[in-house]
C-alpha atoms as a PDB file:
ATOM      1  CA  MET A   1      31.754 -53.866 145.698  1.00  0.00           C
ATOM      2  CA  LEU A   2      31.727 -50.978 148.151  1.00  0.00           C
ATOM      3  CA  VAL A   3      34.321 -49.035 146.147  1.00  0.00           C
ATOM      4  CA  VAL A   4      32.329 -49.492 142.919  1.00  0.00           C
ATOM      5  CA  LEU A   5      29.140 -48.280 144.614  1.00  0.00           C
ATOM      6  CA  LYS A   6      30.916 -45.210 146.014  1.00  0.00           C
ATOM      7  CA  VAL A   7      32.420 -44.349 142.611  1.00  0.00           C
ATOM      8  CA  VAL A   8      29.044 -44.706 140.881  1.00  0.00           C
ATOM      9  CA  HIS A   9      27.395 -42.645 143.642  1.00  0.00           C
ATOM     10  CA  LEU A  10      29.902 -39.805 143.320  1.00  0.00           C
ATOM     11  CA  TYR A  11      29.784 -39.923 139.524  1.00  0.00           C
ATOM     12  CA  ALA A  12      25.980 -39.679 139.678  1.00  0.00           C
ATOM     13  CA  LEU A  13      26.348 -36.633 141.929  1.00  0.00           C
ATOM     14  CA  ILE A  14      28.626 -34.994 139.348  1.00  0.00           C
ATOM     15  CA  LEU A  15      26.325 -35.938 136.466  1.00  0.00           C
ATOM     16  CA  GLY A  16      23.277 -34.530 138.259  1.00  0.00           C
ATOM     17  CA  SER A  17      25.139 -31.345 139.129  1.00  0.00           C
ATOM     18  CA  LEU A  18      26.134 -30.910 135.495  1.00  0.00           C
ATOM     19  CA  GLY A  19      22.537 -31.347 134.370  1.00  0.00           C
ATOM     20  CA  GLY A  20      21.108 -28.960 136.939  1.00  0.00           C
ATOM     21  CA  MET A  21      23.723 -26.238 136.658  1.00  0.00           C
ATOM     22  CA  GLY A  22      23.947 -26.567 132.887  1.00  0.00           C
ATOM     23  CA  THR A  23      20.206 -26.115 132.528  1.00  0.00           C
ATOM     24  CA  GLY A  24      20.235 -23.132 134.866  1.00  0.00           C
ATOM     25  CA  ILE A  25      23.056 -21.416 133.006  1.00  0.00           C
ATOM     26  CA  LEU A  26      21.545 -22.015 129.564  1.00  0.00           C
ATOM     27  CA  MET A  27      18.092 -20.827 130.569  1.00  0.00           C
ATOM     28  CA  SER A  28      19.362 -17.767 132.443  1.00  0.00           C
ATOM     29  CA  ARG A  29      21.046 -16.569 129.261  1.00  0.00           C
ATOM     30  CA  ALA A  30      18.197 -17.388 126.880  1.00  0.00           C
ATOM     31  CA  GLU A  31      16.502 -14.434 125.241  1.00  0.00           C
ATOM     32  CA  GLY A  32      13.414 -16.124 123.917  1.00  0.00           C
ATOM     33  CA  PRO A  33      12.465 -19.628 122.934  1.00  0.00           C
ATOM     34  CA  PRO A  34      15.432 -22.019 122.903  1.00  0.00           C
ATOM     35  CA  THR A  35      16.971 -22.896 119.558  1.00  0.00           C
ATOM     36  CA  VAL A  36      16.975 -26.470 118.248  1.00  0.00           C
ATOM     37  CA  GLN A  37      20.550 -26.900 119.483  1.00  0.00           C
ATOM     38  CA  ILE A  38      19.752 -25.590 122.970  1.00  0.00           C
ATOM     39  CA  THR A  39      16.667 -27.802 123.131  1.00  0.00           C
ATOM     40  CA  SER A  40      18.756 -30.876 122.348  1.00  0.00           C
ATOM     41  CA  VAL A  41      21.270 -29.940 125.070  1.00  0.00           C
ATOM     42  CA  LEU A  42      18.419 -29.364 127.553  1.00  0.00           C
ATOM     43  CA  LYS A  43      17.025 -32.821 126.767  1.00  0.00           C
ATOM     44  CA  LEU A  44      20.469 -34.291 127.423  1.00  0.00           C
ATOM     45  CA  PHE A  45      20.687 -32.425 130.734  1.00  0.00           C
ATOM     46  CA  LYS A  46      17.216 -33.731 131.653  1.00  0.00           C
ATOM     47  CA  THR A  47      18.438 -37.266 131.000  1.00  0.00           C
ATOM     48  CA  PHE A  48      21.494 -36.595 133.169  1.00  0.00           C
ATOM     49  CA  GLY A  49      19.218 -35.441 135.993  1.00  0.00           C
ATOM     50  CA  MET A  50      16.844 -38.406 135.767  1.00  0.00           C
ATOM     51  CA  VAL A  51      19.610 -41.010 135.529  1.00  0.00           C
ATOM     52  CA  SER A  52      21.638 -39.403 138.302  1.00  0.00           C
ATOM     53  CA  ILE A  53      18.776 -39.189 140.801  1.00  0.00           C
ATOM     54  CA  ALA A  54      17.914 -42.846 140.180  1.00  0.00           C
ATOM     55  CA  LEU A  55      21.567 -43.870 140.628  1.00  0.00           C
ATOM     56  CA  LEU A  56      21.940 -41.733 143.750  1.00  0.00           C
ATOM     57  CA  TRP A  57      18.922 -43.377 145.386  1.00  0.00           C
ATOM     58  CA  LEU A  58      19.971 -46.892 144.395  1.00  0.00           C
ATOM     59  CA  THR A  59      23.644 -46.624 145.305  1.00  0.00           C
ATOM     60  CA  GLY A  60      23.006 -44.489 148.384  1.00  0.00           C
ATOM     61  CA  LEU A  61      20.575 -46.917 149.976  1.00  0.00           C
ATOM     62  CA  LEU A  62      22.798 -49.880 149.067  1.00  0.00           C
ATOM     63  CA  LEU A  63      25.862 -48.176 150.560  1.00  0.00           C
ATOM     64  CA  VAL A  64      24.074 -47.420 153.817  1.00  0.00           C
ATOM     65  CA  TRP A  65      22.673 -50.929 154.079  1.00  0.00           C
ATOM     66  CA  ILE A  66      26.008 -52.622 153.279  1.00  0.00           C
ATOM     67  CA  GLU A  67      28.098 -50.395 155.555  1.00  0.00           C
ATOM     68  CA  PHE A  68      25.716 -49.981 158.486  1.00  0.00           C
ATOM     69  CA  GLY A  69      23.017 -52.632 158.078  1.00  0.00           C
ATOM     70  CA  THR A  70      20.354 -50.134 159.098  1.00  0.00           C
ATOM     71  CA  LEU A  71      18.665 -46.925 157.994  1.00  0.00           C
ATOM     72  CA  THR A  72      18.525 -45.545 161.548  1.00  0.00           C
ATOM     73  CA  LEU A  73      21.549 -43.248 161.468  1.00  0.00           C
ATOM     74  CA  GLY A  74      20.214 -40.239 163.324  1.00  0.00           C
ATOM     75  CA  PRO A  75      18.581 -36.864 162.647  1.00  0.00           C
ATOM     76  CA  ALA A  76      21.037 -35.583 160.017  1.00  0.00           C
ATOM     77  CA  PHE A  77      20.458 -38.756 157.976  1.00  0.00           C
ATOM     78  CA  TYR A  78      16.702 -38.236 158.127  1.00  0.00           C
ATOM     79  CA  VAL A  79      17.076 -34.602 157.042  1.00  0.00           C
ATOM     80  CA  LYS A  80      19.242 -35.852 154.145  1.00  0.00           C
ATOM     81  CA  LEU A  81      16.516 -38.318 153.131  1.00  0.00           C
ATOM     82  CA  VAL A  82      13.857 -35.600 153.263  1.00  0.00           C
ATOM     83  CA  ALA A  83      16.037 -33.244 151.194  1.00  0.00           C
ATOM     84  CA  ALA A  84      16.706 -36.013 148.654  1.00  0.00           C
ATOM     85  CA  THR A  85      12.989 -36.807 148.457  1.00  0.00           C
ATOM     86  CA  VAL A  86      12.080 -33.156 147.910  1.00  0.00           C
ATOM     87  CA  LEU A  87      14.870 -32.864 145.324  1.00  0.00           C
ATOM     88  CA  THR A  88      13.509 -35.909 143.494  1.00  0.00           C
ATOM     89  CA  ALA A  89      10.030 -34.355 143.413  1.00  0.00           C
ATOM     90  CA  LEU A  90      11.478 -31.054 142.155  1.00  0.00           C
ATOM     91  CA  ILE A  91      13.412 -32.799 139.370  1.00  0.00           C
ATOM     92  CA  PHE A  92      10.399 -34.771 138.179  1.00  0.00           C
ATOM     93  CA  GLY A  93       8.115 -31.751 138.601  1.00  0.00           C
ATOM     94  CA  SER A  94      10.411 -29.522 136.545  1.00  0.00           C
ATOM     95  CA  ALA A  95      10.684 -32.162 133.830  1.00  0.00           C
ATOM     96  CA  SER A  96       6.906 -32.548 133.756  1.00  0.00           C
ATOM     97  CA  ILE A  97       6.322 -28.788 133.482  1.00  0.00           C
ATOM     98  CA  ALA A  98       8.896 -28.527 130.680  1.00  0.00           C
ATOM     99  CA  ALA A  99       7.360 -31.490 128.807  1.00  0.00           C
ATOM    100  CA  ARG A 100       3.837 -30.036 129.036  1.00  0.00           C
ATOM    101  CA  ALA A 101       5.073 -26.675 127.788  1.00  0.00           C
ATOM    102  CA  ARG A 102       6.967 -28.345 124.943  1.00  0.00           C
ATOM    103  CA  GLY A 103       3.822 -30.274 124.011  1.00  0.00           C
ATOM    104  CA  ALA A 104       1.850 -27.028 123.957  1.00  0.00           C
ATOM    105  CA  GLY A 105       4.530 -25.353 121.846  1.00  0.00           C
ATOM    106  CA  THR A 106       5.256 -22.701 124.473  1.00  0.00           C
ATOM    107  CA  PRO A 107       8.197 -22.157 126.786  1.00  0.00           C
ATOM    108  CA  PRO A 108       7.658 -23.068 130.445  1.00  0.00           C
ATOM    109  CA  ASP A 109       6.947 -20.291 132.925  1.00  0.00           C
ATOM    110  CA  ARG A 110      10.419 -18.795 133.395  1.00  0.00           C
ATOM    111  CA  ALA A 111       9.786 -17.474 136.921  1.00  0.00           C
ATOM    112  CA  LEU A 112       8.432 -20.829 138.112  1.00  0.00           C
ATOM    113  CA  MET A 113      11.336 -22.749 136.583  1.00  0.00           C
ATOM    114  CA  GLU A 114      13.815 -20.364 138.249  1.00  0.00           C
ATOM    115  CA  LYS A 115      12.146 -20.963 141.631  1.00  0.00           C
ATOM    116  CA  LEU A 116      12.223 -24.727 141.107  1.00  0.00           C
ATOM    117  CA  GLY A 117      15.896 -24.512 140.109  1.00  0.00           C
ATOM    118  CA  LYS A 118      16.797 -22.532 143.221  1.00  0.00           C
ATOM    119  CA  ALA A 119      14.833 -24.928 145.431  1.00  0.00           C
ATOM    120  CA  SER A 120      16.649 -27.848 143.786  1.00  0.00           C
ATOM    121  CA  ALA A 121      20.025 -26.241 144.436  1.00  0.00           C
ATOM    122  CA  LEU A 122      19.089 -25.667 148.082  1.00  0.00           C
ATOM    123  CA  MET A 123      17.902 -29.258 148.551  1.00  0.00           C
ATOM    124  CA  SER A 124      21.104 -30.536 146.933  1.00  0.00           C
ATOM    125  CA  LEU A 125      23.176 -28.446 149.319  1.00  0.00           C
ATOM    126  CA  VAL A 126      21.196 -29.644 152.363  1.00  0.00           C
ATOM    127  CA  ALA A 127      21.573 -33.288 151.275  1.00  0.00           C
ATOM    128  CA  ILE A 128      25.330 -32.903 150.738  1.00  0.00           C
ATOM    129  CA  VAL A 129      25.922 -31.090 154.044  1.00  0.00           C
ATOM    130  CA  CYS A 130      23.917 -33.722 155.914  1.00  0.00           C
ATOM    131  CA  ALA A 131      25.826 -36.514 154.141  1.00  0.00           C
ATOM    132  CA  VAL A 132      29.115 -34.967 155.276  1.00  0.00           C
ATOM    133  CA  ILE A 133      27.798 -34.747 158.853  1.00  0.00           C
ATOM    134  CA  VAL A 134      26.511 -38.337 158.891  1.00  0.00           C
ATOM    135  CA  PHE A 135      29.319 -40.066 157.002  1.00  0.00           C
ATOM    136  CA  ASN A 136      32.258 -37.749 157.835  1.00  0.00           C
END
């Protein structure tokens, strides 16, 4: 059971990274509104991000509970939880902004989306570094 949870957790991390980095790369190279093909890829990346963050939360909390029986693992663990919470809010916030813009028939504010992407990358890095510190 533990091995399966770890594999799913790591796969979700890869899937989320693909979605986030893929979106960033596509949008940084866009020279106007995205084409139909790019829009379909962006929707796929959004799905990757949403599924991965849900899997990371589910498997991560289960792994901690099964291995340690507690959520009191020290300051680095709490920083990891805060970073993961902020990352979750950034993912859902970015998706919401993109959906509203799509509904209005306009592209989302490029500068805002870039800032949200950079903040997401930073929160991902903080969460990963803290996970390495806590779990070796």
